């Protein structure tokens, strides 16, 4: 199986340090570990939480900001 390339329209790259925007209930500081496309074509990211290896959560692009 071939791995898909990183999307050309991505706001973040693999390994970028991010956190949730202030309006989200918690900050979830972490590192971009992957990406996904929602059924309507919107981009989202898997974020590996800092200090808690293996704890990965998915967020839509609009919920994240660079640290």
PDB file of N, CA and C in Angstrom:
ATOM      1  N   UNK A   1       0.845  -1.177   0.000  1.00  0.00           N
ATOM      2  CA  UNK A   1       0.000   0.000   0.000  1.00  0.00           C
ATOM      3  C   UNK A   1       0.890   1.241   0.000  1.00  0.00           C
ATOM      4  N   UNK A   2       0.534   2.207  -0.835  1.00  0.00           N
ATOM      5  CA  UNK A   2       1.269   3.466  -0.874  1.00  0.00           C
ATOM      6  C   UNK A   2       0.668   4.470   0.087  1.00  0.00           C
ATOM      7  N   UNK A   3       1.534   5.227   0.698  1.00  0.00           N
ATOM      8  CA  UNK A   3       1.104   6.253   1.638  1.00  0.00           C
ATOM      9  C   UNK A   3       0.755   7.517   0.868  1.00  0.00           C
ATOM     10  N   UNK A   4      -0.390   8.143   1.179  1.00  0.00           N
ATOM     11  CA  UNK A   4      -0.736   9.382   0.469  1.00  0.00           C
ATOM     12  C   UNK A   4       0.227  10.507   0.836  1.00  0.00           C
ATOM     13  N   UNK A   5       0.488  11.374  -0.116  1.00  0.00           N
ATOM     14  CA  UNK A   5       1.369  12.503   0.163  1.00  0.00           C
ATOM     15  C   UNK A   5       0.623  13.523   1.030  1.00  0.00           C
ATOM     16  N   UNK A   6       1.396  14.407   1.640  1.00  0.00           N
ATOM     17  CA  UNK A   6       0.808  15.445   2.487  1.00  0.00           C
ATOM     18  C   UNK A   6      -0.004  16.382   1.601  1.00  0.00           C
ATOM     19  N   UNK A   7      -1.194  16.807   2.030  1.00  0.00           N
ATOM     20  CA  UNK A   7      -2.046  17.652   1.187  1.00  0.00           C
ATOM     21  C   UNK A   7      -1.402  19.010   0.867  1.00  0.00           C
ATOM     22  N   UNK A   8      -1.552  19.446  -0.367  1.00  0.00           N
ATOM     23  CA  UNK A   8      -0.985  20.727  -0.791  1.00  0.00           C
ATOM     24  C   UNK A   8      -1.645  21.911  -0.083  1.00  0.00           C
ATOM     25  N   UNK A   9      -2.895  21.751   0.340  1.00  0.00           N
ATOM     26  CA  UNK A   9      -3.628  22.841   0.982  1.00  0.00           C
ATOM     27  C   UNK A   9      -3.528  22.815   2.514  1.00  0.00           C
ATOM     28  N   UNK A  10      -2.606  22.020   3.051  1.00  0.00           N
ATOM     29  CA  UNK A  10      -2.478  21.876   4.505  1.00  0.00           C
ATOM     30  C   UNK A  10      -1.936  23.151   5.157  1.00  0.00           C
ATOM     31  N   UNK A  11      -2.537  23.526   6.267  1.00  0.00           N
ATOM     32  CA  UNK A  11      -2.087  24.680   7.052  1.00  0.00           C
ATOM     33  C   UNK A  11      -0.878  24.294   7.905  1.00  0.00           C
ATOM     34  N   UNK A  12      -0.816  23.019   8.323  1.00  0.00           N
ATOM     35  CA  UNK A  12       0.254  22.512   9.185  1.00  0.00           C
ATOM     36  C   UNK A  12       1.007  21.387   8.485  1.00  0.00           C
ATOM     37  N   UNK A  13       2.241  21.160   8.920  1.00  0.00           N
ATOM     38  CA  UNK A  13       3.080  20.079   8.410  1.00  0.00           C
ATOM     39  C   UNK A  13       3.313  19.048   9.518  1.00  0.00           C
ATOM     40  N   UNK A  14       3.723  17.862   9.123  1.00  0.00           N
ATOM     41  CA  UNK A  14       4.059  16.824  10.088  1.00  0.00           C
ATOM     42  C   UNK A  14       5.118  17.350  11.053  1.00  0.00           C
ATOM     43  N   UNK A  15       4.894  17.189  12.357  1.00  0.00           N
ATOM     44  CA  UNK A  15       5.859  17.626  13.366  1.00  0.00           C
ATOM     45  C   UNK A  15       5.666  19.030  13.885  1.00  0.00           C
ATOM     46  N   UNK A  16       4.750  19.811  13.300  1.00  0.00           N
ATOM     47  CA  UNK A  16       4.497  21.163  13.802  1.00  0.00           C
ATOM     48  C   UNK A  16       3.954  21.123  15.224  1.00  0.00           C
ATOM     49  N   UNK A  17       4.372  22.079  16.056  1.00  0.00           N
ATOM     50  CA  UNK A  17       3.848  22.213  17.412  1.00  0.00           C
ATOM     51  C   UNK A  17       2.572  23.043  17.368  1.00  0.00           C
ATOM     52  N   UNK A  18       1.493  22.487  17.927  1.00  0.00           N
ATOM     53  CA  UNK A  18       0.187  23.143  17.882  1.00  0.00           C
ATOM     54  C   UNK A  18      -0.508  23.049  19.237  1.00  0.00           C
ATOM     55  N   UNK A  19      -1.595  23.777  19.347  1.00  0.00           N
ATOM     56  CA  UNK A  19      -2.499  23.682  20.488  1.00  0.00           C
ATOM     57  C   UNK A  19      -3.885  24.076  20.010  1.00  0.00           C
ATOM     58  N   UNK A  20      -4.888  23.762  20.802  1.00  0.00           N
ATOM     59  CA  UNK A  20      -6.258  24.138  20.445  1.00  0.00           C
ATOM     60  C   UNK A  20      -6.432  25.641  20.618  1.00  0.00           C
ATOM     61  N   UNK A  21      -7.292  26.212  19.804  1.00  0.00           N
ATOM     62  CA  UNK A  21      -7.576  27.640  19.926  1.00  0.00           C
ATOM     63  C   UNK A  21      -8.254  27.905  21.269  1.00  0.00           C
ATOM     64  N   UNK A  22      -8.208  29.137  21.708  1.00  0.00           N
ATOM     65  CA  UNK A  22      -8.702  29.496  23.040  1.00  0.00           C
ATOM     66  C   UNK A  22     -10.160  29.155  23.284  1.00  0.00           C
ATOM     67  N   UNK A  23     -10.978  29.140  22.254  1.00  0.00           N
ATOM     68  CA  UNK A  23     -12.402  28.876  22.461  1.00  0.00           C
ATOM     69  C   UNK A  23     -12.694  27.398  22.768  1.00  0.00           C
ATOM     70  N   UNK A  24     -11.708  26.535  22.560  1.00  0.00           N
ATOM     71  CA  UNK A  24     -11.888  25.107  22.829  1.00  0.00           C
ATOM     72  C   UNK A  24     -11.750  24.883  24.334  1.00  0.00           C
ATOM     73  N   UNK A  25     -12.441  23.904  24.913  1.00  0.00           N
ATOM     74  CA  UNK A  25     -12.430  23.708  26.368  1.00  0.00           C
ATOM     75  C   UNK A  25     -11.051  23.449  26.980  1.00  0.00           C
ATOM     76  N   UNK A  26     -10.114  22.899  26.236  1.00  0.00           N
ATOM     77  CA  UNK A  26      -8.773  22.666  26.743  1.00  0.00           C
ATOM     78  C   UNK A  26      -7.768  22.855  25.606  1.00  0.00           C
ATOM     79  N   UNK A  27      -6.508  23.101  25.947  1.00  0.00           N
ATOM     80  CA  UNK A  27      -5.503  23.489  24.955  1.00  0.00           C
ATOM     81  C   UNK A  27      -4.906  22.309  24.191  1.00  0.00           C
ATOM     82  N   UNK A  28      -4.763  21.129  24.809  1.00  0.00           N
ATOM     83  CA  UNK A  28      -4.187  19.938  24.190  1.00  0.00           C
ATOM     84  C   UNK A  28      -2.913  20.277  23.397  1.00  0.00           C
ATOM     85  N   UNK A  29      -1.845  20.747  24.072  1.00  0.00           N
ATOM     86  CA  UNK A  29      -0.610  21.043  23.350  1.00  0.00           C
ATOM     87  C   UNK A  29       0.000  19.756  22.807  1.00  0.00           C
ATOM     88  N   UNK A  30       0.478  19.814  21.580  1.00  0.00           N
ATOM     89  CA  UNK A  30       1.054  18.609  21.005  1.00  0.00           C
ATOM     90  C   UNK A  30       1.712  18.850  19.665  1.00  0.00           C
ATOM     91  N   UNK A  31       1.922  17.747  18.954  1.00  0.00           N
ATOM     92  CA  UNK A  31       2.632  17.753  17.678  1.00  0.00           C
ATOM     93  C   UNK A  31       1.772  17.091  16.612  1.00  0.00           C
ATOM     94  N   UNK A  32       1.749  17.669  15.418  1.00  0.00           N
ATOM     95  CA  UNK A  32       0.999  17.093  14.303  1.00  0.00           C
ATOM     96  C   UNK A  32       1.610  15.731  13.956  1.00  0.00           C
ATOM     97  N   UNK A  33       0.762  14.693  13.991  1.00  0.00           N
ATOM     98  CA  UNK A  33       1.218  13.330  13.720  1.00  0.00           C
ATOM     99  C   UNK A  33       0.602  12.747  12.453  1.00  0.00           C
ATOM    100  N   UNK A  34      -0.396  13.409  11.900  1.00  0.00           N
ATOM    101  CA  UNK A  34      -1.047  12.904  10.698  1.00  0.00           C
ATOM    102  C   UNK A  34      -2.178  13.825  10.271  1.00  0.00           C
ATOM    103  N   UNK A  35      -2.843  13.445   9.199  1.00  0.00           N
ATOM    104  CA  UNK A  35      -3.944  14.257   8.684  1.00  0.00           C
ATOM    105  C   UNK A  35      -5.055  13.347   8.182  1.00  0.00           C
ATOM    106  N   UNK A  36      -6.226  13.929   7.990  1.00  0.00           N
ATOM    107  CA  UNK A  36      -7.372  13.200   7.427  1.00  0.00           C
ATOM    108  C   UNK A  36      -8.270  14.202   6.703  1.00  0.00           C
ATOM    109  N   UNK A  37      -9.100  13.696   5.829  1.00  0.00           N
ATOM    110  CA  UNK A  37     -10.101  14.530   5.148  1.00  0.00           C
ATOM    111  C   UNK A  37     -11.471  14.088   5.597  1.00  0.00           C
ATOM    112  N   UNK A  38     -12.288  15.043   6.000  1.00  0.00           N
ATOM    113  CA  UNK A  38     -13.670  14.748   6.355  1.00  0.00           C
ATOM    114  C   UNK A  38     -14.464  14.504   5.080  1.00  0.00           C
ATOM    115  N   UNK A  39     -15.644  13.933   5.216  1.00  0.00           N
ATOM    116  CA  UNK A  39     -16.437  13.579   4.038  1.00  0.00           C
ATOM    117  C   UNK A  39     -16.775  14.780   3.152  1.00  0.00           C
ATOM    118  N   UNK A  40     -16.773  15.972   3.700  1.00  0.00           N
ATOM    119  CA  UNK A  40     -17.047  17.176   2.894  1.00  0.00           C
ATOM    120  C   UNK A  40     -15.757  17.817   2.385  1.00  0.00           C
ATOM    121  N   UNK A  41     -14.642  17.130   2.537  1.00  0.00           N
ATOM    122  CA  UNK A  41     -13.372  17.611   2.011  1.00  0.00           C
ATOM    123  C   UNK A  41     -12.559  18.479   2.949  1.00  0.00           C
ATOM    124  N   UNK A  42     -13.097  18.777   4.145  1.00  0.00           N
ATOM    125  CA  UNK A  42     -12.359  19.615   5.085  1.00  0.00           C
ATOM    126  C   UNK A  42     -11.199  18.819   5.686  1.00  0.00           C
ATOM    127  N   UNK A  43     -10.097  19.520   5.932  1.00  0.00           N
ATOM    128  CA  UNK A  43      -8.884  18.902   6.436  1.00  0.00           C
ATOM    129  C   UNK A  43      -8.871  18.886   7.958  1.00  0.00           C
ATOM    130  N   UNK A  44      -8.378  17.796   8.522  1.00  0.00           N
ATOM    131  CA  UNK A  44      -8.211  17.671   9.963  1.00  0.00           C
ATOM    132  C   UNK A  44      -6.865  17.040  10.261  1.00  0.00           C
ATOM    133  N   UNK A  45      -6.466  17.079  11.530  1.00  0.00           N
ATOM    134  CA  UNK A  45      -5.139  16.597  11.919  1.00  0.00           C
ATOM    135  C   UNK A  45      -5.218  15.711  13.152  1.00  0.00           C
ATOM    136  N   UNK A  46      -4.320  14.740  13.205  1.00  0.00           N
ATOM    137  CA  UNK A  46      -4.112  13.935  14.397  1.00  0.00           C
ATOM    138  C   UNK A  46      -2.984  14.602  15.170  1.00  0.00           C
ATOM    139  N   UNK A  47      -3.221  14.845  16.459  1.00  0.00           N
ATOM    140  CA  UNK A  47      -2.248  15.537  17.295  1.00  0.00           C
ATOM    141  C   UNK A  47      -1.824  14.610  18.426  1.00  0.00           C
ATOM    142  N   UNK A  48      -0.503  14.406  18.540  1.00  0.00           N
ATOM    143  CA  UNK A  48       0.072  13.607  19.620  1.00  0.00           C
ATOM    144  C   UNK A  48       0.347  14.550  20.790  1.00  0.00           C
ATOM    145  N   UNK A  49      -0.262  14.271  21.925  1.00  0.00           N
ATOM    146  CA  UNK A  49      -0.167  15.181  23.078  1.00  0.00           C
ATOM    147  C   UNK A  49       1.232  15.183  23.688  1.00  0.00           C
ATOM    148  N   UNK A  50       1.744  16.381  23.953  1.00  0.00           N
ATOM    149  CA  UNK A  50       3.054  16.525  24.598  1.00  0.00           C
ATOM    150  C   UNK A  50       3.032  15.874  25.981  1.00  0.00           C
ATOM    151  N   UNK A  51       4.096  15.170  26.318  1.00  0.00           N
ATOM    152  CA  UNK A  51       4.238  14.579  27.646  1.00  0.00           C
ATOM    153  C   UNK A  51       3.399  13.338  27.880  1.00  0.00           C
ATOM    154  N   UNK A  52       2.658  12.895  26.877  1.00  0.00           N
ATOM    155  CA  UNK A  52       1.807  11.714  27.031  1.00  0.00           C
ATOM    156  C   UNK A  52       1.840  10.897  25.727  1.00  0.00           C
ATOM    157  N   UNK A  53       2.991  10.267  25.444  1.00  0.00           N
ATOM    158  CA  UNK A  53       3.141   9.526  24.194  1.00  0.00           C
ATOM    159  C   UNK A  53       2.012   8.505  24.001  1.00  0.00           C
ATOM    160  N   UNK A  54       1.517   8.429  22.804  1.00  0.00           N
ATOM    161  CA  UNK A  54       0.438   7.496  22.508  1.00  0.00           C
ATOM    162  C   UNK A  54      -0.946   8.105  22.651  1.00  0.00           C
ATOM    163  N   UNK A  55      -1.045   9.261  23.286  1.00  0.00           N
ATOM    164  CA  UNK A  55      -2.328   9.946  23.412  1.00  0.00           C
ATOM    165  C   UNK A  55      -2.495  10.842  22.193  1.00  0.00           C
ATOM    166  N   UNK A  56      -3.299  10.373  21.241  1.00  0.00           N
ATOM    167  CA  UNK A  56      -3.517  11.097  19.995  1.00  0.00           C
ATOM    168  C   UNK A  56      -4.992  11.435  19.866  1.00  0.00           C
ATOM    169  N   UNK A  57      -5.271  12.656  19.465  1.00  0.00           N
ATOM    170  CA  UNK A  57      -6.654  13.077  19.283  1.00  0.00           C
ATOM    171  C   UNK A  57      -6.769  13.799  17.941  1.00  0.00           C
ATOM    172  N   UNK A  58      -7.927  13.693  17.306  1.00  0.00           N
ATOM    173  CA  UNK A  58      -8.164  14.335  16.016  1.00  0.00           C
ATOM    174  C   UNK A  58      -8.875  15.670  16.209  1.00  0.00           C
ATOM    175  N   UNK A  59      -8.433  16.665  15.425  1.00  0.00           N
ATOM    176  CA  UNK A  59      -9.027  17.995  15.480  1.00  0.00           C
ATOM    177  C   UNK A  59      -9.203  18.529  14.063  1.00  0.00           C
ATOM    178  N   UNK A  60     -10.284  19.275  13.846  1.00  0.00           N
ATOM    179  CA  UNK A  60     -10.441  19.961  12.567  1.00  0.00           C
ATOM    180  C   UNK A  60      -9.409  21.088  12.509  1.00  0.00           C
ATOM    181  N   UNK A  61      -9.058  21.482  11.306  1.00  0.00           N
ATOM    182  CA  UNK A  61      -8.037  22.503  11.116  1.00  0.00           C
ATOM    183  C   UNK A  61      -8.371  23.810  11.830  1.00  0.00           C
ATOM    184  N   UNK A  62      -9.639  24.185  11.842  1.00  0.00           N
ATOM    185  CA  UNK A  62     -10.042  25.462  12.461  1.00  0.00           C
ATOM    186  C   UNK A  62      -9.900  25.456  13.985  1.00  0.00           C
ATOM    187  N   UNK A  63      -9.748  24.300  14.587  1.00  0.00           N
ATOM    188  CA  UNK A  63      -9.579  24.196  16.038  1.00  0.00           C
ATOM    189  C   UNK A  63      -8.143  24.283  16.506  1.00  0.00           C
ATOM    190  N   UNK A  64      -7.194  24.371  15.564  1.00  0.00           N
ATOM    191  CA  UNK A  64      -5.776  24.361  15.924  1.00  0.00           C
ATOM    192  C   UNK A  64      -5.076  25.654  15.567  1.00  0.00           C
ATOM    193  N   UNK A  65      -4.033  25.962  16.353  1.00  0.00           N
ATOM    194  CA  UNK A  65      -3.157  27.097  16.061  1.00  0.00           C
ATOM    195  C   UNK A  65      -1.720  26.688  16.395  1.00  0.00           C
ATOM    196  N   UNK A  66      -0.757  27.356  15.749  1.00  0.00           N
ATOM    197  CA  UNK A  66       0.651  27.082  16.040  1.00  0.00           C
ATOM    198  C   UNK A  66       1.009  27.588  17.424  1.00  0.00           C
ATOM    199  N   UNK A  67       1.993  26.904  18.031  1.00  0.00           N
ATOM    200  CA  UNK A  67       2.528  27.364  19.325  1.00  0.00           C
ATOM    201  C   UNK A  67       3.839  28.068  19.099  1.00  0.00           C
TER     202      UNK A  67
END
